[in-house]
PDB file of N, CA and C in Angstrom:
ATOM      1  N   MET A   1       4.140 -79.840 -16.829  1.00  0.00           N
ATOM      2  CA  MET A   1       2.837 -79.269 -16.985  1.00  0.00           C
ATOM      3  C   MET A   1       1.874 -80.707 -17.363  1.00  0.00           C
ATOM      4  N   LEU A   2       0.769 -80.591 -16.794  1.00  0.00           N
ATOM      5  CA  LEU A   2      -0.216 -81.756 -16.926  1.00  0.00           C
ATOM      6  C   LEU A   2      -1.670 -81.166 -17.445  1.00  0.00           C
ATOM      7  N   GLY A   3      -2.191 -81.735 -18.344  1.00  0.00           N
ATOM      8  CA  GLY A   3      -3.437 -81.167 -18.792  1.00  0.00           C
ATOM      9  C   GLY A   3      -4.564 -82.223 -18.525  1.00  0.00           C
ATOM     10  N   MET A   4      -5.618 -81.906 -18.274  1.00  0.00           N
ATOM     11  CA  MET A   4      -6.761 -82.791 -17.858  1.00  0.00           C
ATOM     12  C   MET A   4      -8.141 -82.235 -18.515  1.00  0.00           C
ATOM     13  N   LEU A   5      -8.881 -83.163 -18.971  1.00  0.00           N
ATOM     14  CA  LEU A   5     -10.209 -82.851 -19.466  1.00  0.00           C
ATOM     15  C   LEU A   5     -11.180 -83.304 -18.379  1.00  0.00           C
ATOM     16  N   VAL A   6     -12.003 -82.451 -17.763  1.00  0.00           N
ATOM     17  CA  VAL A   6     -13.120 -82.730 -16.733  1.00  0.00           C
ATOM     18  C   VAL A   6     -14.409 -82.325 -17.209  1.00  0.00           C
ATOM     19  N   SER A   7     -15.330 -82.977 -16.954  1.00  0.00           N
ATOM     20  CA  SER A   7     -16.706 -82.641 -16.978  1.00  0.00           C
ATOM     21  C   SER A   7     -17.019 -81.630 -16.207  1.00  0.00           C
ATOM     22  N   ASP A   8     -18.243 -80.986 -16.334  1.00  0.00           N
ATOM     23  CA  ASP A   8     -18.689 -79.869 -15.308  1.00  0.00           C
ATOM     24  C   ASP A   8     -19.016 -80.650 -13.982  1.00  0.00           C
ATOM     25  N   MET A   9     -19.431 -81.867 -13.983  1.00  0.00           N
ATOM     26  CA  MET A   9     -19.756 -82.624 -12.784  1.00  0.00           C
ATOM     27  C   MET A   9     -18.652 -82.918 -11.969  1.00  0.00           C
ATOM     28  N   GLU A  10     -17.523 -83.214 -12.845  1.00  0.00           N
ATOM     29  CA  GLU A  10     -16.246 -83.671 -12.240  1.00  0.00           C
ATOM     30  C   GLU A  10     -15.650 -82.440 -11.598  1.00  0.00           C
ATOM     31  N   LYS A  11     -15.790 -81.247 -12.234  1.00  0.00           N
ATOM     32  CA  LYS A  11     -15.103 -79.997 -11.883  1.00  0.00           C
ATOM     33  C   LYS A  11     -15.862 -79.721 -10.471  1.00  0.00           C
ATOM     34  N   LYS A  12     -17.232 -79.743 -10.330  1.00  0.00           N
ATOM     35  CA  LYS A  12     -17.868 -79.558  -9.008  1.00  0.00           C
ATOM     36  C   LYS A  12     -17.490 -80.313  -8.032  1.00  0.00           C
ATOM     37  N   GLU A  13     -17.328 -81.707  -8.378  1.00  0.00           N
ATOM     38  CA  GLU A  13     -16.811 -82.441  -7.374  1.00  0.00           C
ATOM     39  C   GLU A  13     -15.387 -82.138  -6.867  1.00  0.00           C
ATOM     40  N   LEU A  14     -14.438 -81.845  -7.723  1.00  0.00           N
ATOM     41  CA  LEU A  14     -13.152 -81.442  -7.387  1.00  0.00           C
ATOM     42  C   LEU A  14     -13.151 -80.186  -6.497  1.00  0.00           C
ATOM     43  N   SER A  15     -13.871 -79.194  -6.890  1.00  0.00           N
ATOM     44  CA  SER A  15     -14.029 -78.039  -6.199  1.00  0.00           C
ATOM     45  C   SER A  15     -14.522 -78.372  -4.679  1.00  0.00           C
ATOM     46  N   TYR A  16     -15.529 -79.215  -4.548  1.00  0.00           N
ATOM     47  CA  TYR A  16     -16.083 -79.508  -3.348  1.00  0.00           C
ATOM     48  C   TYR A  16     -15.216 -80.169  -2.403  1.00  0.00           C
ATOM     49  N   LEU A  17     -14.295 -81.173  -2.968  1.00  0.00           N
ATOM     50  CA  LEU A  17     -13.420 -81.972  -2.369  1.00  0.00           C
ATOM     51  C   LEU A  17     -12.247 -81.037  -1.779  1.00  0.00           C
ATOM     52  N   ILE A  18     -11.818 -80.101  -2.686  1.00  0.00           N
ATOM     53  CA  ILE A  18     -10.735 -79.268  -2.130  1.00  0.00           C
ATOM     54  C   ILE A  18     -11.212 -78.238  -1.185  1.00  0.00           C
ATOM     55  N   LYS A  19     -12.491 -77.700  -1.230  1.00  0.00           N
ATOM     56  CA  LYS A  19     -12.973 -76.818  -0.329  1.00  0.00           C
ATOM     57  C   LYS A  19     -13.014 -77.474   1.095  1.00  0.00           C
ATOM     58  N   ARG A  20     -13.380 -78.844   1.080  1.00  0.00           N
ATOM     59  CA  ARG A  20     -13.554 -79.557   2.363  1.00  0.00           C
ATOM     60  C   ARG A  20     -12.082 -79.708   2.941  1.00  0.00           C
ATOM     61  N   GLU A  21     -10.963 -79.815   2.098  1.00  0.00           N
ATOM     62  CA  GLU A  21      -9.648 -79.988   2.716  1.00  0.00           C
ATOM     63  C   GLU A  21      -9.110 -78.579   3.363  1.00  0.00           C
ATOM     64  N   LEU A  22      -9.468 -77.580   2.559  1.00  0.00           N
ATOM     65  CA  LEU A  22      -8.986 -76.317   2.793  1.00  0.00           C
ATOM     66  C   LEU A  22      -9.740 -75.839   4.250  1.00  0.00           C
ATOM     67  N   GLU A  23     -11.025 -76.110   4.348  1.00  0.00           N
ATOM     68  CA  GLU A  23     -11.748 -75.729   5.577  1.00  0.00           C
ATOM     69  C   GLU A  23     -11.259 -76.559   6.683  1.00  0.00           C
ATOM     70  N   GLU A  24     -10.767 -77.864   6.573  1.00  0.00           N
ATOM     71  CA  GLU A  24     -10.201 -78.642   7.748  1.00  0.00           C
ATOM     72  C   GLU A  24      -8.920 -78.108   7.934  1.00  0.00           C
ATOM     73  N   ILE A  25      -8.174 -77.618   7.233  1.00  0.00           N
ATOM     74  CA  ILE A  25      -6.828 -77.247   7.541  1.00  0.00           C
ATOM     75  C   ILE A  25      -6.876 -75.861   8.220  1.00  0.00           C
ATOM     76  N   LEU A  26      -7.898 -75.070   7.818  1.00  0.00           N
ATOM     77  CA  LEU A  26      -8.066 -73.913   8.453  1.00  0.00           C
ATOM     78  C   LEU A  26      -8.561 -74.051   9.882  1.00  0.00           C
ATOM     79  N   LEU A  27      -9.433 -75.111  10.058  1.00  0.00           N
ATOM     80  CA  LEU A  27      -9.829 -75.334  11.486  1.00  0.00           C
ATOM     81  C   LEU A  27      -8.734 -75.860  12.231  1.00  0.00           C
ATOM     82  N   ASP A  28      -7.941 -76.836  11.642  1.00  0.00           N
ATOM     83  CA  ASP A  28      -6.769 -77.511  12.432  1.00  0.00           C
ATOM     84  C   ASP A  28      -5.835 -76.220  12.849  1.00  0.00           C
ATOM     85  N   MET A  29      -5.618 -75.367  11.898  1.00  0.00           N
ATOM     86  CA  MET A  29      -4.662 -74.130  12.151  1.00  0.00           C
ATOM     87  C   MET A  29      -4.897 -73.458  13.528  1.00  0.00           C
ATOM     88  N   GLU A  30      -6.155 -73.561  13.857  1.00  0.00           N
ATOM     89  CA  GLU A  30      -6.578 -72.763  15.116  1.00  0.00           C
ATOM     90  C   GLU A  30      -6.276 -73.524  16.441  1.00  0.00           C
ATOM     91  N   ASP A  31      -5.940 -74.614  16.167  1.00  0.00           N
ATOM     92  CA  ASP A  31      -5.578 -75.486  17.382  1.00  0.00           C
ATOM     93  C   ASP A  31      -4.130 -75.274  17.882  1.00  0.00           C
ATOM     94  N   LYS A  32      -3.917 -74.640  19.115  1.00  0.00           N
ATOM     95  CA  LYS A  32      -2.610 -74.339  19.469  1.00  0.00           C
ATOM     96  C   LYS A  32      -1.788 -75.347  19.853  1.00  0.00           C
ATOM     97  N   ARG A  33      -2.388 -76.818  20.165  1.00  0.00           N
ATOM     98  CA  ARG A  33      -1.442 -77.847  20.492  1.00  0.00           C
ATOM     99  C   ARG A  33      -0.691 -78.415  19.337  1.00  0.00           C
ATOM    100  N   ILE A  34      -1.092 -78.022  18.213  1.00  0.00           N
ATOM    101  CA  ILE A  34      -0.406 -78.631  16.925  1.00  0.00           C
ATOM    102  C   ILE A  34       1.210 -78.145  17.004  1.00  0.00           C
ATOM    103  N   ASP A  35       2.099 -79.029  16.830  1.00  0.00           N
ATOM    104  CA  ASP A  35       3.598 -78.718  16.549  1.00  0.00           C
ATOM    105  C   ASP A  35       3.791 -77.852  15.503  1.00  0.00           C
ATOM    106  N   GLN A  36       4.830 -77.017  15.706  1.00  0.00           N
ATOM    107  CA  GLN A  36       5.138 -76.027  14.630  1.00  0.00           C
ATOM    108  C   GLN A  36       5.726 -76.623  13.426  1.00  0.00           C
ATOM    109  N   LEU A  37       6.233 -77.762  13.345  1.00  0.00           N
ATOM    110  CA  LEU A  37       6.692 -78.569  12.253  1.00  0.00           C
ATOM    111  C   LEU A  37       5.513 -78.895  11.366  1.00  0.00           C
ATOM    112  N   VAL A  38       4.443 -79.410  12.040  1.00  0.00           N
ATOM    113  CA  VAL A  38       3.125 -80.066  11.475  1.00  0.00           C
ATOM    114  C   VAL A  38       2.408 -78.821  11.023  1.00  0.00           C
ATOM    115  N   ARG A  39       2.478 -77.722  11.655  1.00  0.00           N
ATOM    116  CA  ARG A  39       1.754 -76.548  11.268  1.00  0.00           C
ATOM    117  C   ARG A  39       2.572 -76.124   9.914  1.00  0.00           C
ATOM    118  N   GLN A  40       3.793 -76.104   9.752  1.00  0.00           N
ATOM    119  CA  GLN A  40       4.408 -75.778   8.632  1.00  0.00           C
ATOM    120  C   GLN A  40       4.055 -76.538   7.395  1.00  0.00           C
ATOM    121  N   ALA A  41       3.856 -77.919   7.604  1.00  0.00           N
ATOM    122  CA  ALA A  41       3.663 -78.773   6.608  1.00  0.00           C
ATOM    123  C   ALA A  41       2.195 -78.529   6.181  1.00  0.00           C
ATOM    124  N   MET A  42       1.230 -78.100   7.214  1.00  0.00           N
ATOM    125  CA  MET A  42      -0.155 -77.802   6.896  1.00  0.00           C
ATOM    126  C   MET A  42      -0.248 -76.522   5.759  1.00  0.00           C
ATOM    127  N   LYS A  43       0.510 -75.513   6.264  1.00  0.00           N
ATOM    128  CA  LYS A  43       0.522 -74.289   5.441  1.00  0.00           C
ATOM    129  C   LYS A  43       0.911 -74.634   4.170  1.00  0.00           C
ATOM    130  N   GLU A  44       1.989 -75.528   3.970  1.00  0.00           N
ATOM    131  CA  GLU A  44       2.420 -75.973   2.508  1.00  0.00           C
ATOM    132  C   GLU A  44       1.315 -76.462   1.753  1.00  0.00           C
ATOM    133  N   ARG A  45       0.607 -77.511   2.528  1.00  0.00           N
ATOM    134  CA  ARG A  45      -0.468 -78.146   1.840  1.00  0.00           C
ATOM    135  C   ARG A  45      -1.472 -77.358   1.560  1.00  0.00           C
ATOM    136  N   TYR A  46      -1.806 -76.343   2.372  1.00  0.00           N
ATOM    137  CA  TYR A  46      -2.920 -75.361   1.974  1.00  0.00           C
ATOM    138  C   TYR A  46      -2.597 -74.549   0.879  1.00  0.00           C
ATOM    139  N   GLN A  47      -1.262 -74.188   0.733  1.00  0.00           N
ATOM    140  CA  GLN A  47      -0.980 -73.417  -0.440  1.00  0.00           C
ATOM    141  C   GLN A  47      -1.088 -74.130  -1.691  1.00  0.00           C
ATOM    142  N   THR A  48      -0.714 -75.315  -1.673  1.00  0.00           N
ATOM    143  CA  THR A  48      -0.795 -76.381  -2.882  1.00  0.00           C
ATOM    144  C   THR A  48      -2.267 -76.517  -3.363  1.00  0.00           C
ATOM    145  N   LEU A  49      -3.049 -76.905  -2.171  1.00  0.00           N
ATOM    146  CA  LEU A  49      -4.587 -77.102  -2.521  1.00  0.00           C
ATOM    147  C   LEU A  49      -5.284 -75.625  -3.021  1.00  0.00           C
ATOM    148  N   PHE A  50      -4.782 -74.673  -2.453  1.00  0.00           N
ATOM    149  CA  PHE A  50      -5.416 -73.430  -2.919  1.00  0.00           C
ATOM    150  C   PHE A  50      -5.044 -72.988  -4.372  1.00  0.00           C
ATOM    151  N   GLN A  51      -3.845 -73.335  -4.908  1.00  0.00           N
ATOM    152  CA  GLN A  51      -3.455 -73.130  -6.273  1.00  0.00           C
ATOM    153  C   GLN A  51      -4.260 -74.103  -7.092  1.00  0.00           C
ATOM    154  N   LEU A  52      -4.659 -75.357  -6.561  1.00  0.00           N
ATOM    155  CA  LEU A  52      -5.379 -76.197  -7.499  1.00  0.00           C
ATOM    156  C   LEU A  52      -6.972 -75.674  -7.478  1.00  0.00           C
ATOM    157  N   PHE A  53      -7.121 -75.299  -6.502  1.00  0.00           N
ATOM    158  CA  PHE A  53      -8.715 -74.768  -6.184  1.00  0.00           C
ATOM    159  C   PHE A  53      -8.883 -73.581  -7.296  1.00  0.00           C
ATOM    160  N   ARG A  54      -7.831 -72.798  -7.263  1.00  0.00           N
ATOM    161  CA  ARG A  54      -8.010 -71.408  -8.194  1.00  0.00           C
ATOM    162  C   ARG A  54      -8.256 -71.997  -9.588  1.00  0.00           C
ATOM    163  N   ARG A  55      -7.885 -73.159 -10.017  1.00  0.00           N
ATOM    164  CA  ARG A  55      -8.092 -73.582 -11.421  1.00  0.00           C
ATOM    165  C   ARG A  55      -9.563 -74.116 -11.559  1.00  0.00           C
ATOM    166  N   VAL A  56     -10.136 -74.522 -10.646  1.00  0.00           N
ATOM    167  CA  VAL A  56     -11.439 -75.122 -10.903  1.00  0.00           C
ATOM    168  C   VAL A  56     -12.661 -74.311 -10.181  1.00  0.00           C
ATOM    169  N   ALA A  57     -12.362 -73.305  -9.482  1.00  0.00           N
ATOM    170  CA  ALA A  57     -13.370 -72.484  -8.873  1.00  0.00           C
ATOM    171  C   ALA A  57     -13.407 -70.996  -9.412  1.00  0.00           C
ATOM    172  N   ASN A  58     -14.503 -70.374  -9.294  1.00  0.00           N
ATOM    173  CA  ASN A  58     -14.645 -69.071  -9.916  1.00  0.00           C
ATOM    174  C   ASN A  58     -14.044 -67.985  -8.808  1.00  0.00           C
ATOM    175  N   GLU A  59     -13.855 -66.927  -9.322  1.00  0.00           N
ATOM    176  CA  GLU A  59     -13.131 -65.758  -8.391  1.00  0.00           C
ATOM    177  C   GLU A  59     -13.854 -65.567  -7.064  1.00  0.00           C
ATOM    178  N   ASN A  60     -15.096 -65.641  -6.946  1.00  0.00           N
ATOM    179  CA  ASN A  60     -15.672 -65.265  -5.675  1.00  0.00           C
ATOM    180  C   ASN A  60     -15.498 -66.276  -4.708  1.00  0.00           C
ATOM    181  N   GLU A  61     -15.630 -67.644  -5.245  1.00  0.00           N
ATOM    182  CA  GLU A  61     -15.207 -68.705  -4.477  1.00  0.00           C
ATOM    183  C   GLU A  61     -13.815 -68.673  -3.806  1.00  0.00           C
ATOM    184  N   CYS A  62     -13.057 -68.339  -4.708  1.00  0.00           N
ATOM    185  CA  CYS A  62     -11.500 -68.459  -4.261  1.00  0.00           C
ATOM    186  C   CYS A  62     -11.263 -67.331  -3.230  1.00  0.00           C
ATOM    187  N   LEU A  63     -12.083 -66.109  -3.273  1.00  0.00           N
ATOM    188  CA  LEU A  63     -11.844 -65.040  -2.159  1.00  0.00           C
ATOM    189  C   LEU A  63     -12.027 -65.521  -0.969  1.00  0.00           C
ATOM    190  N   LYS A  64     -12.904 -66.420  -0.630  1.00  0.00           N
ATOM    191  CA  LYS A  64     -13.117 -67.080   0.600  1.00  0.00           C
ATOM    192  C   LYS A  64     -12.108 -67.790   1.173  1.00  0.00           C
ATOM    193  N   TYR A  65     -11.216 -68.422   0.382  1.00  0.00           N
ATOM    194  CA  TYR A  65     -10.073 -69.233   0.710  1.00  0.00           C
ATOM    195  C   TYR A  65      -8.749 -68.542   0.779  1.00  0.00           C
ATOM    196  N   VAL A  66      -8.608 -67.302   0.401  1.00  0.00           N
ATOM    197  CA  VAL A  66      -7.215 -66.634   0.180  1.00  0.00           C
ATOM    198  C   VAL A  66      -6.698 -66.790   1.535  1.00  0.00           C
ATOM    199  N   PRO A  67      -5.370 -67.287   1.528  1.00  0.00           N
ATOM    200  CA  PRO A  67      -4.532 -67.336   2.853  1.00  0.00           C
ATOM    201  C   PRO A  67      -4.598 -66.090   3.726  1.00  0.00           C
ATOM    202  N   GLN A  68      -5.165 -66.037   4.786  1.00  0.00           N
ATOM    203  CA  GLN A  68      -5.011 -64.966   5.739  1.00  0.00           C
ATOM    204  C   GLN A  68      -3.686 -64.865   6.521  1.00  0.00           C
ATOM    205  N   LYS A  69      -3.270 -63.959   6.725  1.00  0.00           N
ATOM    206  CA  LYS A  69      -2.226 -63.597   7.712  1.00  0.00           C
ATOM    207  C   LYS A  69      -2.356 -64.190   9.080  1.00  0.00           C
ATOM    208  N   ARG A  70      -3.667 -64.002   9.594  1.00  0.00           N
ATOM    209  CA  ARG A  70      -3.841 -64.329  11.012  1.00  0.00           C
ATOM    210  C   ARG A  70      -3.814 -66.012  11.053  1.00  0.00           C
ATOM    211  N   ASN A  71      -4.189 -66.775  10.082  1.00  0.00           N
ATOM    212  CA  ASN A  71      -4.238 -68.170  10.049  1.00  0.00           C
ATOM    213  C   ASN A  71      -2.805 -68.733   9.762  1.00  0.00           C
ATOM    214  N   PHE A  72      -2.019 -67.871   9.309  1.00  0.00           N
ATOM    215  CA  PHE A  72      -0.722 -68.611   8.901  1.00  0.00           C
ATOM    216  C   PHE A  72       0.481 -67.767   9.609  1.00  0.00           C
ATOM    217  N   LYS A  73       0.354 -67.499  10.741  1.00  0.00           N
ATOM    218  CA  LYS A  73       1.338 -66.722  11.505  1.00  0.00           C
ATOM    219  C   LYS A  73       2.608 -67.762  11.804  1.00  0.00           C
TER     220      LYS A  73
END
């Protein structure tokens, strides 16, 4: 376990960066040309980033990024 102290400004910046990464992964998941092995790695990365995002974002923001079955087939 690792603890961190961050200011509100740093928390907002972390939230923004993670949201950008999550959105980019969601966009890439729609591309049918991506190999299954790469797609699996993207799913794992999404899960990790989402867990981190849950720690810095409020509940309403998190609901927008809850992994959907349609995106993770």
